[in-house]
């Protein structure tokens, strides 16, 4: 990797320098932020899939959000869902990097930390 490995996913990707997923609660909402730092000017689909759980072990999807974008540099997706007291929440953040014909080249992903409301 370039510099330290702290900001860089392993194994290394061809088109993505870094990926982050942060989650928080605010005013009865669970708010997710996904950030992908792209090395190449490619079209991509950012997917944020919220999940909730009563026990932190068994999860069910509670909302999926999709954003299509292109280009290099920082790409951000942000969304929120209603927070129900007593539940655990997390989200999966996936970046589908594509070529000009729409074929998927790589799909880096990560899961946010888990929070309890």
N, C-alpha and C. Protein backbone atom coordinates (compact mmCIF):
# COMPACT_ATOMS: atom_id res chain seq x y z
N UNK A 1 0.83 -1.20 0.00
CA UNK A 1 0.00 0.00 0.00
C UNK A 1 0.86 1.25 0.00
N UNK A 2 0.25 2.38 -0.20
CA UNK A 2 0.93 3.66 -0.17
C UNK A 2 0.95 4.14 1.27
N UNK A 3 2.10 4.46 1.82
CA UNK A 3 2.17 4.88 3.21
C UNK A 3 1.88 3.70 4.13
N UNK A 4 1.08 3.96 5.14
CA UNK A 4 0.70 2.88 6.04
C UNK A 4 -0.50 2.14 5.47
N UNK A 5 -0.83 1.01 6.07
CA UNK A 5 -1.99 0.24 5.62
C UNK A 5 -3.28 0.69 6.31
N UNK A 6 -3.19 1.72 7.14
CA UNK A 6 -4.34 2.09 7.97
C UNK A 6 -5.56 2.44 7.16
N UNK A 7 -5.40 3.22 6.10
CA UNK A 7 -6.53 3.71 5.32
C UNK A 7 -6.82 2.88 4.07
N UNK A 8 -6.12 1.75 3.97
CA UNK A 8 -6.20 1.03 2.71
C UNK A 8 -6.73 -0.38 2.94
N UNK A 9 -7.74 -0.79 2.17
CA UNK A 9 -8.26 -2.14 2.34
C UNK A 9 -7.26 -3.20 1.91
N UNK A 10 -7.34 -4.34 2.54
CA UNK A 10 -6.52 -5.49 2.17
C UNK A 10 -7.44 -6.67 1.96
N UNK A 11 -7.45 -7.40 0.88
CA UNK A 11 -6.50 -7.20 -0.23
C UNK A 11 -6.76 -5.90 -0.97
N UNK A 12 -5.76 -5.40 -1.64
CA UNK A 12 -5.89 -4.12 -2.31
C UNK A 12 -6.78 -4.26 -3.55
N UNK A 13 -7.51 -3.19 -3.83
CA UNK A 13 -8.38 -3.17 -5.00
C UNK A 13 -7.72 -2.40 -6.13
N UNK A 14 -8.20 -2.64 -7.33
CA UNK A 14 -7.65 -1.95 -8.50
C UNK A 14 -8.18 -0.53 -8.63
N UNK A 15 -9.42 -0.29 -8.19
CA UNK A 15 -10.07 0.98 -8.48
C UNK A 15 -10.41 1.78 -7.22
N UNK A 16 -10.23 1.19 -6.05
CA UNK A 16 -10.65 1.82 -4.81
C UNK A 16 -9.47 1.96 -3.87
N UNK A 17 -9.27 3.20 -3.35
CA UNK A 17 -8.18 3.44 -2.41
C UNK A 17 -8.60 3.19 -0.97
N UNK A 18 -9.84 3.56 -0.64
CA UNK A 18 -10.30 3.43 0.74
C UNK A 18 -11.82 3.37 0.78
N UNK A 19 -12.35 2.73 1.82
CA UNK A 19 -13.79 2.62 2.00
C UNK A 19 -14.09 2.78 3.49
N UNK A 20 -15.13 3.54 3.77
CA UNK A 20 -15.52 3.80 5.16
C UNK A 20 -17.03 3.66 5.30
N UNK A 21 -17.47 3.30 6.49
CA UNK A 21 -18.90 3.23 6.80
C UNK A 21 -19.08 3.70 8.23
N UNK A 22 -19.85 4.78 8.42
CA UNK A 22 -20.10 5.28 9.77
C UNK A 22 -21.60 5.32 10.02
N UNK A 23 -21.98 5.07 11.27
CA UNK A 23 -23.38 5.01 11.64
C UNK A 23 -23.58 5.74 12.95
N UNK A 24 -24.71 6.43 13.06
CA UNK A 24 -25.00 7.19 14.28
C UNK A 24 -26.52 7.33 14.42
N UNK A 25 -26.94 7.82 15.57
CA UNK A 25 -28.36 8.08 15.78
C UNK A 25 -28.56 9.56 16.07
N UNK A 26 -29.70 10.06 15.61
CA UNK A 26 -30.03 11.46 15.85
C UNK A 26 -31.53 11.65 15.71
N UNK A 27 -32.16 12.13 16.76
CA UNK A 27 -33.58 12.51 16.74
C UNK A 27 -34.47 11.41 16.17
N UNK A 28 -34.30 10.20 16.71
CA UNK A 28 -35.16 9.09 16.30
C UNK A 28 -34.81 8.47 14.96
N UNK A 29 -33.65 8.82 14.42
CA UNK A 29 -33.21 8.26 13.15
C UNK A 29 -31.86 7.57 13.32
N UNK A 30 -31.66 6.52 12.54
CA UNK A 30 -30.34 5.93 12.38
C UNK A 30 -29.79 6.48 11.07
N UNK A 31 -28.62 7.09 11.13
CA UNK A 31 -28.04 7.77 9.97
C UNK A 31 -26.79 7.01 9.54
N UNK A 32 -26.72 6.66 8.29
CA UNK A 32 -25.55 5.98 7.74
C UNK A 32 -24.84 6.85 6.73
N UNK A 33 -23.51 6.80 6.76
CA UNK A 33 -22.67 7.49 5.79
C UNK A 33 -21.67 6.49 5.21
N UNK A 34 -21.66 6.36 3.90
CA UNK A 34 -20.68 5.54 3.22
C UNK A 34 -19.78 6.42 2.37
N UNK A 35 -18.48 6.15 2.42
CA UNK A 35 -17.51 6.92 1.64
C UNK A 35 -16.60 5.96 0.91
N UNK A 36 -16.48 6.15 -0.39
CA UNK A 36 -15.54 5.39 -1.20
C UNK A 36 -14.59 6.38 -1.86
N UNK A 37 -13.29 6.14 -1.71
CA UNK A 37 -12.29 6.98 -2.37
C UNK A 37 -11.78 6.21 -3.58
N UNK A 38 -12.13 6.72 -4.76
CA UNK A 38 -11.88 6.00 -6.00
C UNK A 38 -10.58 6.44 -6.65
N UNK A 39 -9.84 5.46 -7.18
CA UNK A 39 -8.59 5.72 -7.89
C UNK A 39 -8.82 5.96 -9.37
N UNK A 40 -9.90 5.42 -9.90
CA UNK A 40 -10.11 5.46 -11.35
C UNK A 40 -11.45 6.12 -11.67
N UNK A 41 -11.51 6.68 -12.86
CA UNK A 41 -12.73 7.32 -13.34
C UNK A 41 -13.63 6.25 -13.96
N UNK A 42 -14.43 5.61 -13.10
CA UNK A 42 -15.32 4.53 -13.54
C UNK A 42 -16.73 4.80 -13.04
N UNK A 43 -17.74 4.29 -13.76
CA UNK A 43 -19.09 4.34 -13.21
C UNK A 43 -19.22 3.37 -12.04
N UNK A 44 -20.07 3.70 -11.10
CA UNK A 44 -20.24 2.81 -9.94
C UNK A 44 -21.63 2.97 -9.35
N UNK A 45 -22.03 1.94 -8.64
CA UNK A 45 -23.27 1.96 -7.87
C UNK A 45 -22.92 1.78 -6.41
N UNK A 46 -23.32 2.75 -5.58
CA UNK A 46 -23.13 2.67 -4.15
C UNK A 46 -24.40 2.11 -3.53
N UNK A 47 -24.26 1.09 -2.70
CA UNK A 47 -25.41 0.43 -2.09
C UNK A 47 -25.26 0.46 -0.58
N UNK A 48 -26.26 0.99 0.10
CA UNK A 48 -26.30 1.02 1.56
C UNK A 48 -27.50 0.20 2.01
N UNK A 49 -27.24 -0.90 2.71
CA UNK A 49 -28.30 -1.81 3.15
C UNK A 49 -28.35 -1.82 4.68
N UNK A 50 -29.35 -1.15 5.25
CA UNK A 50 -29.52 -1.15 6.70
C UNK A 50 -30.06 -2.49 7.19
N UNK A 51 -29.60 -2.89 8.35
CA UNK A 51 -30.11 -4.10 9.00
C UNK A 51 -30.43 -3.77 10.45
N UNK A 52 -31.41 -4.50 11.02
CA UNK A 52 -31.69 -4.35 12.44
C UNK A 52 -31.85 -5.71 13.09
N UNK A 53 -31.70 -5.71 14.40
CA UNK A 53 -31.68 -6.97 15.15
C UNK A 53 -32.18 -6.71 16.57
N UNK A 54 -32.80 -7.72 17.14
CA UNK A 54 -33.21 -7.61 18.55
C UNK A 54 -32.12 -8.09 19.48
N UNK A 55 -31.19 -8.92 18.97
CA UNK A 55 -30.18 -9.53 19.84
C UNK A 55 -28.74 -9.28 19.39
N UNK A 56 -28.55 -8.60 18.25
CA UNK A 56 -27.21 -8.35 17.74
C UNK A 56 -26.60 -9.55 17.04
N UNK A 57 -27.38 -10.61 16.87
CA UNK A 57 -26.88 -11.84 16.23
C UNK A 57 -27.67 -12.14 14.95
N UNK A 58 -28.97 -12.12 15.06
CA UNK A 58 -29.85 -12.42 13.91
C UNK A 58 -30.34 -11.10 13.32
N UNK A 59 -30.07 -10.90 12.03
CA UNK A 59 -30.31 -9.61 11.40
C UNK A 59 -31.34 -9.72 10.27
N UNK A 60 -32.09 -8.64 10.08
CA UNK A 60 -33.01 -8.55 8.93
C UNK A 60 -32.83 -7.19 8.27
N UNK A 61 -33.00 -7.15 6.96
CA UNK A 61 -32.83 -5.91 6.21
C UNK A 61 -33.97 -4.96 6.52
N UNK A 62 -33.64 -3.70 6.76
CA UNK A 62 -34.67 -2.73 7.10
C UNK A 62 -34.64 -1.50 6.21
N UNK A 63 -33.99 -1.59 5.09
CA UNK A 63 -33.97 -0.48 4.14
C UNK A 63 -32.72 -0.51 3.29
N UNK A 64 -32.86 -0.36 1.98
CA UNK A 64 -31.73 -0.36 1.06
C UNK A 64 -31.79 0.90 0.20
N UNK A 65 -30.65 1.54 0.06
CA UNK A 65 -30.56 2.77 -0.71
C UNK A 65 -29.44 2.64 -1.73
N UNK A 66 -29.69 3.16 -2.93
CA UNK A 66 -28.76 3.00 -4.05
C UNK A 66 -28.47 4.37 -4.66
N UNK A 67 -27.21 4.59 -5.00
CA UNK A 67 -26.81 5.83 -5.67
C UNK A 67 -25.86 5.48 -6.79
N UNK A 68 -26.17 5.95 -7.99
CA UNK A 68 -25.29 5.75 -9.14
C UNK A 68 -24.47 7.02 -9.36
N UNK A 69 -23.17 6.85 -9.57
CA UNK A 69 -22.29 7.98 -9.78
C UNK A 69 -21.11 7.53 -10.64
N UNK A 70 -20.22 8.44 -10.93
CA UNK A 70 -19.04 8.10 -11.72
C UNK A 70 -17.90 9.04 -11.34
N UNK A 71 -16.69 8.66 -11.73
CA UNK A 71 -15.54 9.52 -11.53
C UNK A 71 -14.62 9.04 -10.43
N UNK A 72 -13.49 9.75 -10.28
CA UNK A 72 -12.54 9.39 -9.24
C UNK A 72 -12.71 10.33 -8.05
N UNK A 73 -11.92 10.08 -7.00
CA UNK A 73 -12.03 10.89 -5.79
C UNK A 73 -13.07 10.32 -4.84
N UNK A 74 -13.58 11.20 -3.97
CA UNK A 74 -14.49 10.77 -2.89
C UNK A 74 -15.93 10.69 -3.39
N UNK A 75 -16.56 9.55 -3.12
CA UNK A 75 -17.97 9.35 -3.47
C UNK A 75 -18.71 9.01 -2.18
N UNK A 76 -19.81 9.70 -1.92
CA UNK A 76 -20.50 9.59 -0.64
C UNK A 76 -21.96 9.19 -0.86
N UNK A 77 -22.45 8.30 0.00
CA UNK A 77 -23.87 8.01 0.08
C UNK A 77 -24.28 8.20 1.53
N UNK A 78 -25.40 8.87 1.72
CA UNK A 78 -25.92 9.10 3.07
C UNK A 78 -27.41 8.83 3.06
N UNK A 79 -27.88 8.13 4.08
CA UNK A 79 -29.31 7.89 4.20
C UNK A 79 -29.64 7.62 5.66
N UNK A 80 -30.92 7.54 5.94
CA UNK A 80 -31.35 7.29 7.31
C UNK A 80 -32.63 6.49 7.31
N UNK A 81 -32.88 5.81 8.44
CA UNK A 81 -34.12 5.08 8.65
C UNK A 81 -34.62 5.42 10.05
N UNK A 82 -35.89 5.16 10.28
CA UNK A 82 -36.46 5.39 11.61
C UNK A 82 -35.84 4.40 12.60
N UNK A 83 -35.48 4.90 13.77
CA UNK A 83 -34.87 4.07 14.81
C UNK A 83 -35.93 3.63 15.80
N UNK A 84 -35.99 2.34 16.07
CA UNK A 84 -36.90 1.80 17.07
C UNK A 84 -36.11 1.44 18.32
N UNK A 85 -36.59 1.90 19.45
CA UNK A 85 -35.88 1.69 20.70
C UNK A 85 -35.72 0.21 21.00
N UNK A 86 -34.53 -0.16 21.49
CA UNK A 86 -34.27 -1.54 21.86
C UNK A 86 -33.66 -2.39 20.77
N UNK A 87 -33.55 -1.85 19.56
CA UNK A 87 -32.98 -2.60 18.44
C UNK A 87 -31.51 -2.24 18.23
N UNK A 88 -30.79 -3.21 17.68
CA UNK A 88 -29.43 -2.98 17.18
C UNK A 88 -29.52 -2.64 15.70
N UNK A 89 -28.65 -1.77 15.24
CA UNK A 89 -28.61 -1.37 13.84
C UNK A 89 -27.18 -1.41 13.30
N UNK A 90 -27.08 -1.70 12.01
CA UNK A 90 -25.83 -1.63 11.28
C UNK A 90 -26.19 -1.49 9.81
N UNK A 91 -25.20 -1.26 8.94
CA UNK A 91 -25.47 -1.32 7.51
C UNK A 91 -24.26 -1.87 6.77
N UNK A 92 -24.57 -2.49 5.65
CA UNK A 92 -23.55 -2.94 4.71
C UNK A 92 -23.41 -1.88 3.62
N UNK A 93 -22.16 -1.54 3.32
CA UNK A 93 -21.86 -0.57 2.27
C UNK A 93 -21.08 -1.29 1.19
N UNK A 94 -21.63 -1.31 -0.02
CA UNK A 94 -21.01 -2.00 -1.14
C UNK A 94 -20.83 -1.03 -2.30
N UNK A 95 -19.69 -1.10 -2.95
CA UNK A 95 -19.39 -0.28 -4.12
C UNK A 95 -19.24 -1.22 -5.30
N UNK A 96 -20.15 -1.11 -6.25
CA UNK A 96 -20.06 -1.92 -7.48
C UNK A 96 -19.38 -1.07 -8.55
N UNK A 97 -18.09 -1.32 -8.77
CA UNK A 97 -17.33 -0.57 -9.78
C UNK A 97 -17.53 -1.26 -11.12
N UNK A 98 -17.87 -0.47 -12.14
CA UNK A 98 -18.26 -1.05 -13.43
C UNK A 98 -17.40 -0.49 -14.57
N UNK A 99 -17.45 -1.19 -15.69
CA UNK A 99 -16.85 -0.63 -16.90
C UNK A 99 -17.94 0.10 -17.68
N UNK A 100 -17.58 0.64 -18.84
CA UNK A 100 -18.52 1.48 -19.58
C UNK A 100 -19.74 0.71 -20.10
N UNK A 101 -19.65 -0.61 -20.17
CA UNK A 101 -20.80 -1.40 -20.61
C UNK A 101 -21.62 -1.93 -19.44
N UNK A 102 -21.24 -1.57 -18.20
CA UNK A 102 -22.02 -1.97 -17.04
C UNK A 102 -21.57 -3.25 -16.38
N UNK A 103 -20.51 -3.87 -16.92
CA UNK A 103 -20.00 -5.11 -16.31
C UNK A 103 -19.28 -4.76 -15.00
N UNK A 104 -19.57 -5.51 -13.94
CA UNK A 104 -18.96 -5.24 -12.64
C UNK A 104 -17.50 -5.69 -12.65
N UNK A 105 -16.61 -4.77 -12.30
CA UNK A 105 -15.17 -5.04 -12.26
C UNK A 105 -14.73 -5.50 -10.88
N UNK A 106 -15.27 -4.89 -9.83
CA UNK A 106 -14.99 -5.31 -8.46
C UNK A 106 -16.08 -4.76 -7.54
N UNK A 107 -16.24 -5.40 -6.39
CA UNK A 107 -17.29 -5.00 -5.46
C UNK A 107 -16.75 -4.92 -4.03
N UNK A 108 -15.92 -3.93 -3.75
CA UNK A 108 -15.47 -3.75 -2.37
C UNK A 108 -16.66 -3.44 -1.46
N UNK A 109 -16.59 -3.93 -0.23
CA UNK A 109 -17.68 -3.69 0.71
C UNK A 109 -17.17 -3.71 2.13
N UNK A 110 -17.96 -3.18 3.03
CA UNK A 110 -17.65 -3.28 4.45
C UNK A 110 -18.94 -3.11 5.25
N UNK A 111 -18.90 -3.47 6.49
CA UNK A 111 -20.05 -3.32 7.38
C UNK A 111 -19.71 -2.27 8.42
N UNK A 112 -20.68 -1.45 8.75
CA UNK A 112 -20.48 -0.43 9.77
C UNK A 112 -20.39 -1.10 11.14
N UNK A 113 -20.04 -0.30 12.14
CA UNK A 113 -20.14 -0.81 13.51
C UNK A 113 -21.63 -1.02 13.84
N UNK A 114 -21.89 -1.73 14.91
CA UNK A 114 -23.25 -1.96 15.37
C UNK A 114 -23.56 -0.98 16.50
N UNK A 115 -24.73 -0.37 16.43
CA UNK A 115 -25.17 0.50 17.50
C UNK A 115 -26.50 0.01 18.05
N UNK A 116 -26.76 0.28 19.32
CA UNK A 116 -28.05 -0.06 19.92
C UNK A 116 -28.79 1.23 20.24
N UNK A 117 -30.07 1.26 19.89
CA UNK A 117 -30.88 2.45 20.11
C UNK A 117 -31.66 2.31 21.42
